[in-house]
């Protein structure tokens, strides 16, 4: 599977769900199930490729600017959010939620996180919960097992060449005051003056 095929799965899943990635009936499992449906019937090698491209997308979003925007959206202090992200791995969930937006929106938001405020599906973003995306990290693993490929983790580690970023950034230069983030992301700050509800 090429990168374009990876994004085809993501984009098709996004298009199949109400409001992009929010499903009124089954919000917690909607995105993960849509991805699994897109991977159904593929051989293990292609599912492995999907996993590699997913990790590559997560790495693209491992940027100080994306982290700062995530902190701003939560409406908390950098120290509080750093602790929450580190404990619950919510920065992974946030990055996965950006991937779930689809190829075009993902590229736009990673390049300029303030652009998140201008997306046509902003209301879905606002009422969503990053916890809904905790399941996405396990989609490829489930699909790989269903395809008869066995355990994905060891095979994926060999393809990646190193451990992926998880948890919160250890580099304290990523920590910026809320006031600085609001100046950096004026559109997000205006849309979410107190963070997401």
C-alpha atoms as a PDB file:
ATOM      1  CA  UNK A   1       0.000   0.000   0.000  1.00  0.00           C
ATOM      2  CA  UNK A   2       1.358   3.372  -1.024  1.00  0.00           C
ATOM      3  CA  UNK A   3       0.756   6.514   1.022  1.00  0.00           C
ATOM      4  CA  UNK A   4      -2.047   7.469  -1.358  1.00  0.00           C
ATOM      5  CA  UNK A   5      -3.779   4.176  -0.544  1.00  0.00           C
ATOM      6  CA  UNK A   6      -3.462   4.897   3.164  1.00  0.00           C
ATOM      7  CA  UNK A   7      -5.160   8.249   2.734  1.00  0.00           C
ATOM      8  CA  UNK A   8      -7.848   6.663   0.565  1.00  0.00           C
ATOM      9  CA  UNK A   9      -8.818   4.486   3.552  1.00  0.00           C
ATOM     10  CA  UNK A  10      -8.846   7.510   5.871  1.00  0.00           C
ATOM     11  CA  UNK A  11     -10.730   9.762   3.456  1.00  0.00           C
ATOM     12  CA  UNK A  12     -13.334   7.096   2.676  1.00  0.00           C
ATOM     13  CA  UNK A  13     -13.880   6.509   6.393  1.00  0.00           C
ATOM     14  CA  UNK A  14     -14.239  10.235   7.012  1.00  0.00           C
ATOM     15  CA  UNK A  15     -16.784  10.545   4.201  1.00  0.00           C
ATOM     16  CA  UNK A  16     -18.822   7.624   5.532  1.00  0.00           C
ATOM     17  CA  UNK A  17     -19.423   9.136   8.968  1.00  0.00           C
ATOM     18  CA  UNK A  18     -21.898  11.761  10.046  1.00  0.00           C
ATOM     19  CA  UNK A  19     -20.135  15.124  10.443  1.00  0.00           C
ATOM     20  CA  UNK A  20     -16.859  13.640   9.297  1.00  0.00           C
ATOM     21  CA  UNK A  21     -15.745  11.645  12.296  1.00  0.00           C
ATOM     22  CA  UNK A  22     -18.604  12.041  14.737  1.00  0.00           C
ATOM     23  CA  UNK A  23     -21.378   9.439  14.809  1.00  0.00           C
ATOM     24  CA  UNK A  24     -24.374  10.217  17.011  1.00  0.00           C
ATOM     25  CA  UNK A  25     -25.173   6.544  17.622  1.00  0.00           C
ATOM     26  CA  UNK A  26     -21.736   5.050  18.232  1.00  0.00           C
ATOM     27  CA  UNK A  27     -19.225   7.891  18.668  1.00  0.00           C
ATOM     28  CA  UNK A  28     -16.651   5.910  20.601  1.00  0.00           C
ATOM     29  CA  UNK A  29     -16.166   3.216  17.989  1.00  0.00           C
ATOM     30  CA  UNK A  30     -17.232   4.941  14.787  1.00  0.00           C
ATOM     31  CA  UNK A  31     -13.872   6.019  13.407  1.00  0.00           C
ATOM     32  CA  UNK A  32     -12.008   2.869  14.381  1.00  0.00           C
ATOM     33  CA  UNK A  33     -14.721   0.676  12.867  1.00  0.00           C
ATOM     34  CA  UNK A  34     -14.727   2.710   9.658  1.00  0.00           C
ATOM     35  CA  UNK A  35     -10.969   2.238   9.360  1.00  0.00           C
ATOM     36  CA  UNK A  36     -11.315  -1.486  10.056  1.00  0.00           C
ATOM     37  CA  UNK A  37     -13.973  -1.739   7.357  1.00  0.00           C
ATOM     38  CA  UNK A  38     -11.591  -0.070   4.923  1.00  0.00           C
ATOM     39  CA  UNK A  39      -8.850  -2.572   5.742  1.00  0.00           C
ATOM     40  CA  UNK A  40     -11.096  -5.637   5.604  1.00  0.00           C
ATOM     41  CA  UNK A  41      -9.929  -8.224   3.107  1.00  0.00           C
ATOM     42  CA  UNK A  42      -6.462  -6.762   2.643  1.00  0.00           C
ATOM     43  CA  UNK A  43      -3.432  -9.052   3.010  1.00  0.00           C
ATOM     44  CA  UNK A  44      -1.192  -8.637   6.072  1.00  0.00           C
ATOM     45  CA  UNK A  45       1.519  -6.876   4.052  1.00  0.00           C
ATOM     46  CA  UNK A  46      -0.851  -4.077   3.062  1.00  0.00           C
ATOM     47  CA  UNK A  47      -2.166  -3.704   6.593  1.00  0.00           C
ATOM     48  CA  UNK A  48       1.438  -3.391   7.748  1.00  0.00           C
ATOM     49  CA  UNK A  49       1.960  -0.670   5.157  1.00  0.00           C
ATOM     50  CA  UNK A  50      -1.116   1.106   6.531  1.00  0.00           C
ATOM     51  CA  UNK A  51       0.374   0.967  10.031  1.00  0.00           C
ATOM     52  CA  UNK A  52       3.666   2.399   8.781  1.00  0.00           C
ATOM     53  CA  UNK A  53       1.906   5.285   7.026  1.00  0.00           C
ATOM     54  CA  UNK A  54      -0.217   5.959  10.123  1.00  0.00           C
ATOM     55  CA  UNK A  55       2.887   6.223  12.292  1.00  0.00           C
ATOM     56  CA  UNK A  56       4.494   8.491   9.693  1.00  0.00           C
ATOM     57  CA  UNK A  57       1.463  10.776   9.813  1.00  0.00           C
ATOM     58  CA  UNK A  58       1.598  10.875  13.611  1.00  0.00           C
ATOM     59  CA  UNK A  59       5.269  11.819  13.381  1.00  0.00           C
ATOM     60  CA  UNK A  60       4.448  14.658  10.977  1.00  0.00           C
ATOM     61  CA  UNK A  61       2.140  16.048  13.651  1.00  0.00           C
ATOM     62  CA  UNK A  62       4.796  15.766  16.393  1.00  0.00           C
ATOM     63  CA  UNK A  63       5.564  19.487  16.240  1.00  0.00           C
ATOM     64  CA  UNK A  64       5.765  22.216  18.884  1.00  0.00           C
ATOM     65  CA  UNK A  65       3.115  24.229  17.047  1.00  0.00           C
ATOM     66  CA  UNK A  66       0.656  21.332  17.058  1.00  0.00           C
ATOM     67  CA  UNK A  67       1.343  20.709  20.742  1.00  0.00           C
ATOM     68  CA  UNK A  68       0.741  24.389  21.560  1.00  0.00           C
ATOM     69  CA  UNK A  69      -2.559  24.376  19.676  1.00  0.00           C
ATOM     70  CA  UNK A  70      -3.661  21.243  21.537  1.00  0.00           C
ATOM     71  CA  UNK A  71      -2.841  22.901  24.859  1.00  0.00           C
ATOM     72  CA  UNK A  72      -4.785  26.005  23.863  1.00  0.00           C
ATOM     73  CA  UNK A  73      -7.847  23.951  22.954  1.00  0.00           C
ATOM     74  CA  UNK A  74      -7.933  22.302  26.366  1.00  0.00           C
ATOM     75  CA  UNK A  75      -8.062  25.675  28.098  1.00  0.00           C
ATOM     76  CA  UNK A  76      -5.590  24.679  30.792  1.00  0.00           C
ATOM     77  CA  UNK A  77      -2.112  25.753  31.785  1.00  0.00           C
ATOM     78  CA  UNK A  78       0.863  24.209  29.969  1.00  0.00           C
ATOM     79  CA  UNK A  79       1.993  22.372  33.115  1.00  0.00           C
ATOM     80  CA  UNK A  80      -1.466  20.889  33.707  1.00  0.00           C
ATOM     81  CA  UNK A  81      -1.873  19.867  30.090  1.00  0.00           C
ATOM     82  CA  UNK A  82       1.634  18.442  29.909  1.00  0.00           C
ATOM     83  CA  UNK A  83       0.817  16.224  32.871  1.00  0.00           C
ATOM     84  CA  UNK A  84      -2.517  15.154  31.393  1.00  0.00           C
ATOM     85  CA  UNK A  85      -1.094  14.412  27.976  1.00  0.00           C
ATOM     86  CA  UNK A  86       1.817  12.508  29.470  1.00  0.00           C
ATOM     87  CA  UNK A  87      -0.361  10.386  31.726  1.00  0.00           C
ATOM     88  CA  UNK A  88      -3.184   9.647  29.314  1.00  0.00           C
ATOM     89  CA  UNK A  89      -1.219   9.921  26.064  1.00  0.00           C
ATOM     90  CA  UNK A  90      -3.794  12.429  24.909  1.00  0.00           C
ATOM     91  CA  UNK A  91      -1.354  14.102  22.536  1.00  0.00           C
ATOM     92  CA  UNK A  92      -1.357  10.826  20.607  1.00  0.00           C
ATOM     93  CA  UNK A  93      -5.161  10.931  20.592  1.00  0.00           C
ATOM     94  CA  UNK A  94      -5.100  14.542  19.409  1.00  0.00           C
ATOM     95  CA  UNK A  95      -2.684  13.727  16.580  1.00  0.00           C
ATOM     96  CA  UNK A  96      -4.805  10.714  15.630  1.00  0.00           C
ATOM     97  CA  UNK A  97      -7.851  12.987  15.509  1.00  0.00           C
ATOM     98  CA  UNK A  98      -6.009  15.177  12.995  1.00  0.00           C
ATOM     99  CA  UNK A  99      -5.254  12.136  10.834  1.00  0.00           C
ATOM    100  CA  UNK A 100      -8.947  11.217  11.010  1.00  0.00           C
ATOM    101  CA  UNK A 101      -9.822  14.563   9.403  1.00  0.00           C
ATOM    102  CA  UNK A 102      -8.484  13.243   6.091  1.00  0.00           C
ATOM    103  CA  UNK A 103      -5.495  14.021   3.915  1.00  0.00           C
ATOM    104  CA  UNK A 104      -6.290  17.587   2.870  1.00  0.00           C
ATOM    105  CA  UNK A 105      -7.316  18.896   6.284  1.00  0.00           C
ATOM    106  CA  UNK A 106      -4.495  17.024   8.028  1.00  0.00           C
ATOM    107  CA  UNK A 107      -1.861  18.622   5.818  1.00  0.00           C
ATOM    108  CA  UNK A 108      -3.377  22.063   6.273  1.00  0.00           C
ATOM    109  CA  UNK A 109      -3.631  21.838  10.058  1.00  0.00           C
ATOM    110  CA  UNK A 110      -0.156  20.367  10.572  1.00  0.00           C
ATOM    111  CA  UNK A 111       1.335  23.182   8.496  1.00  0.00           C
ATOM    112  CA  UNK A 112      -0.751  25.832  10.287  1.00  0.00           C
ATOM    113  CA  UNK A 113      -2.612  24.622  13.404  1.00  0.00           C
ATOM    114  CA  UNK A 114      -4.561  27.877  13.517  1.00  0.00           C
ATOM    115  CA  UNK A 115      -6.292  26.681  10.340  1.00  0.00           C
ATOM    116  CA  UNK A 116      -8.222  24.195  12.486  1.00  0.00           C
ATOM    117  CA  UNK A 117     -10.533  27.088  13.339  1.00  0.00           C
ATOM    118  CA  UNK A 118     -11.499  27.487   9.674  1.00  0.00           C
ATOM    119  CA  UNK A 119     -12.370  23.889   8.826  1.00  0.00           C
ATOM    120  CA  UNK A 120     -15.921  23.421   7.543  1.00  0.00           C
ATOM    121  CA  UNK A 121     -16.496  20.651  10.091  1.00  0.00           C
ATOM    122  CA  UNK A 122     -15.370  22.718  13.066  1.00  0.00           C
ATOM    123  CA  UNK A 123     -18.577  21.940  14.959  1.00  0.00           C
ATOM    124  CA  UNK A 124     -17.764  18.229  14.805  1.00  0.00           C
ATOM    125  CA  UNK A 125     -14.291  18.966  16.116  1.00  0.00           C
ATOM    126  CA  UNK A 126     -15.719  21.108  18.909  1.00  0.00           C
ATOM    127  CA  UNK A 127     -18.189  18.555  20.215  1.00  0.00           C
ATOM    128  CA  UNK A 128     -15.916  15.572  19.719  1.00  0.00           C
ATOM    129  CA  UNK A 129     -13.834  14.061  22.471  1.00  0.00           C
ATOM    130  CA  UNK A 130     -10.216  13.079  21.925  1.00  0.00           C
ATOM    131  CA  UNK A 131     -10.894   9.950  23.958  1.00  0.00           C
ATOM    132  CA  UNK A 132     -12.870   8.753  20.940  1.00  0.00           C
ATOM    133  CA  UNK A 133      -9.601   8.404  19.078  1.00  0.00           C
ATOM    134  CA  UNK A 134      -7.845   6.206  21.605  1.00  0.00           C
ATOM    135  CA  UNK A 135      -9.007   3.195  19.595  1.00  0.00           C
ATOM    136  CA  UNK A 136      -7.267   4.339  16.409  1.00  0.00           C
ATOM    137  CA  UNK A 137      -3.831   3.342  17.639  1.00  0.00           C
ATOM    138  CA  UNK A 138      -5.005  -0.270  17.725  1.00  0.00           C
ATOM    139  CA  UNK A 139      -6.823  -0.447  14.379  1.00  0.00           C
ATOM    140  CA  UNK A 140      -3.868  -1.726  12.370  1.00  0.00           C
ATOM    141  CA  UNK A 141      -3.063  -4.291  15.060  1.00  0.00           C
ATOM    142  CA  UNK A 142      -6.617  -5.642  14.971  1.00  0.00           C
ATOM    143  CA  UNK A 143      -6.750  -5.641  11.173  1.00  0.00           C
ATOM    144  CA  UNK A 144      -3.363  -7.362  10.952  1.00  0.00           C
ATOM    145  CA  UNK A 145      -4.506 -10.145  13.270  1.00  0.00           C
ATOM    146  CA  UNK A 146      -7.784 -10.524  11.366  1.00  0.00           C
ATOM    147  CA  UNK A 147      -5.806 -10.849   8.134  1.00  0.00           C
ATOM    148  CA  UNK A 148      -3.825 -13.723   9.630  1.00  0.00           C
ATOM    149  CA  UNK A 149      -0.645 -11.761  10.118  1.00  0.00           C
ATOM    150  CA  UNK A 150      -0.227 -12.488  13.814  1.00  0.00           C
ATOM    151  CA  UNK A 151       1.252  -9.897  16.176  1.00  0.00           C
ATOM    152  CA  UNK A 152       1.925  -6.565  14.504  1.00  0.00           C
ATOM    153  CA  UNK A 153       4.118  -4.818  17.087  1.00  0.00           C
ATOM    154  CA  UNK A 154       7.422  -6.578  16.427  1.00  0.00           C
ATOM    155  CA  UNK A 155       7.032  -6.462  12.643  1.00  0.00           C
ATOM    156  CA  UNK A 156       6.081  -2.790  12.746  1.00  0.00           C
ATOM    157  CA  UNK A 157       9.052  -1.916  14.961  1.00  0.00           C
ATOM    158  CA  UNK A 158      11.365  -3.394  12.355  1.00  0.00           C
ATOM    159  CA  UNK A 159       9.805  -1.287   9.619  1.00  0.00           C
ATOM    160  CA  UNK A 160       9.868   1.929  11.627  1.00  0.00           C
ATOM    161  CA  UNK A 161      13.514   1.676  12.601  1.00  0.00           C
ATOM    162  CA  UNK A 162      12.891   3.173  16.031  1.00  0.00           C
ATOM    163  CA  UNK A 163      10.216   3.762  18.652  1.00  0.00           C
ATOM    164  CA  UNK A 164       7.477   6.250  17.727  1.00  0.00           C
ATOM    165  CA  UNK A 165       6.818   9.313  19.836  1.00  0.00           C
ATOM    166  CA  UNK A 166       4.309   8.699  22.585  1.00  0.00           C
ATOM    167  CA  UNK A 167       3.278  10.632  25.671  1.00  0.00           C
ATOM    168  CA  UNK A 168       4.099  14.310  26.043  1.00  0.00           C
ATOM    169  CA  UNK A 169       7.200  16.110  24.757  1.00  0.00           C
ATOM    170  CA  UNK A 170      10.123  15.981  27.165  1.00  0.00           C
ATOM    171  CA  UNK A 171      11.598  19.172  25.709  1.00  0.00           C
ATOM    172  CA  UNK A 172      10.429  22.024  27.931  1.00  0.00           C
ATOM    173  CA  UNK A 173      11.009  24.519  25.112  1.00  0.00           C
ATOM    174  CA  UNK A 174       7.699  23.198  23.776  1.00  0.00           C
ATOM    175  CA  UNK A 175       5.936  24.591  26.848  1.00  0.00           C
ATOM    176  CA  UNK A 176       4.581  28.051  26.126  1.00  0.00           C
ATOM    177  CA  UNK A 177       2.268  30.269  28.186  1.00  0.00           C
ATOM    178  CA  UNK A 178      -1.384  30.346  27.221  1.00  0.00           C
ATOM    179  CA  UNK A 179      -1.069  34.029  26.335  1.00  0.00           C
ATOM    180  CA  UNK A 180       1.646  33.266  23.789  1.00  0.00           C
ATOM    181  CA  UNK A 181      -0.420  30.486  22.223  1.00  0.00           C
ATOM    182  CA  UNK A 182      -3.380  32.835  21.889  1.00  0.00           C
ATOM    183  CA  UNK A 183      -1.217  35.339  20.041  1.00  0.00           C
ATOM    184  CA  UNK A 184       0.197  32.585  17.850  1.00  0.00           C
ATOM    185  CA  UNK A 185      -3.235  31.128  17.034  1.00  0.00           C
ATOM    186  CA  UNK A 186      -5.659  34.078  16.972  1.00  0.00           C
ATOM    187  CA  UNK A 187      -8.424  32.255  15.079  1.00  0.00           C
ATOM    188  CA  UNK A 188      -8.410  29.284  17.455  1.00  0.00           C
ATOM    189  CA  UNK A 189      -8.267  31.628  20.443  1.00  0.00           C
ATOM    190  CA  UNK A 190     -11.286  33.540  19.164  1.00  0.00           C
ATOM    191  CA  UNK A 191     -13.263  30.362  18.458  1.00  0.00           C
ATOM    192  CA  UNK A 192     -12.348  28.673  21.753  1.00  0.00           C
ATOM    193  CA  UNK A 193     -11.785  31.499  24.276  1.00  0.00           C
ATOM    194  CA  UNK A 194     -11.925  29.072  27.204  1.00  0.00           C
ATOM    195  CA  UNK A 195     -10.822  25.906  25.449  1.00  0.00           C
ATOM    196  CA  UNK A 196     -13.076  23.185  24.126  1.00  0.00           C
ATOM    197  CA  UNK A 197     -16.179  22.345  26.197  1.00  0.00           C
END
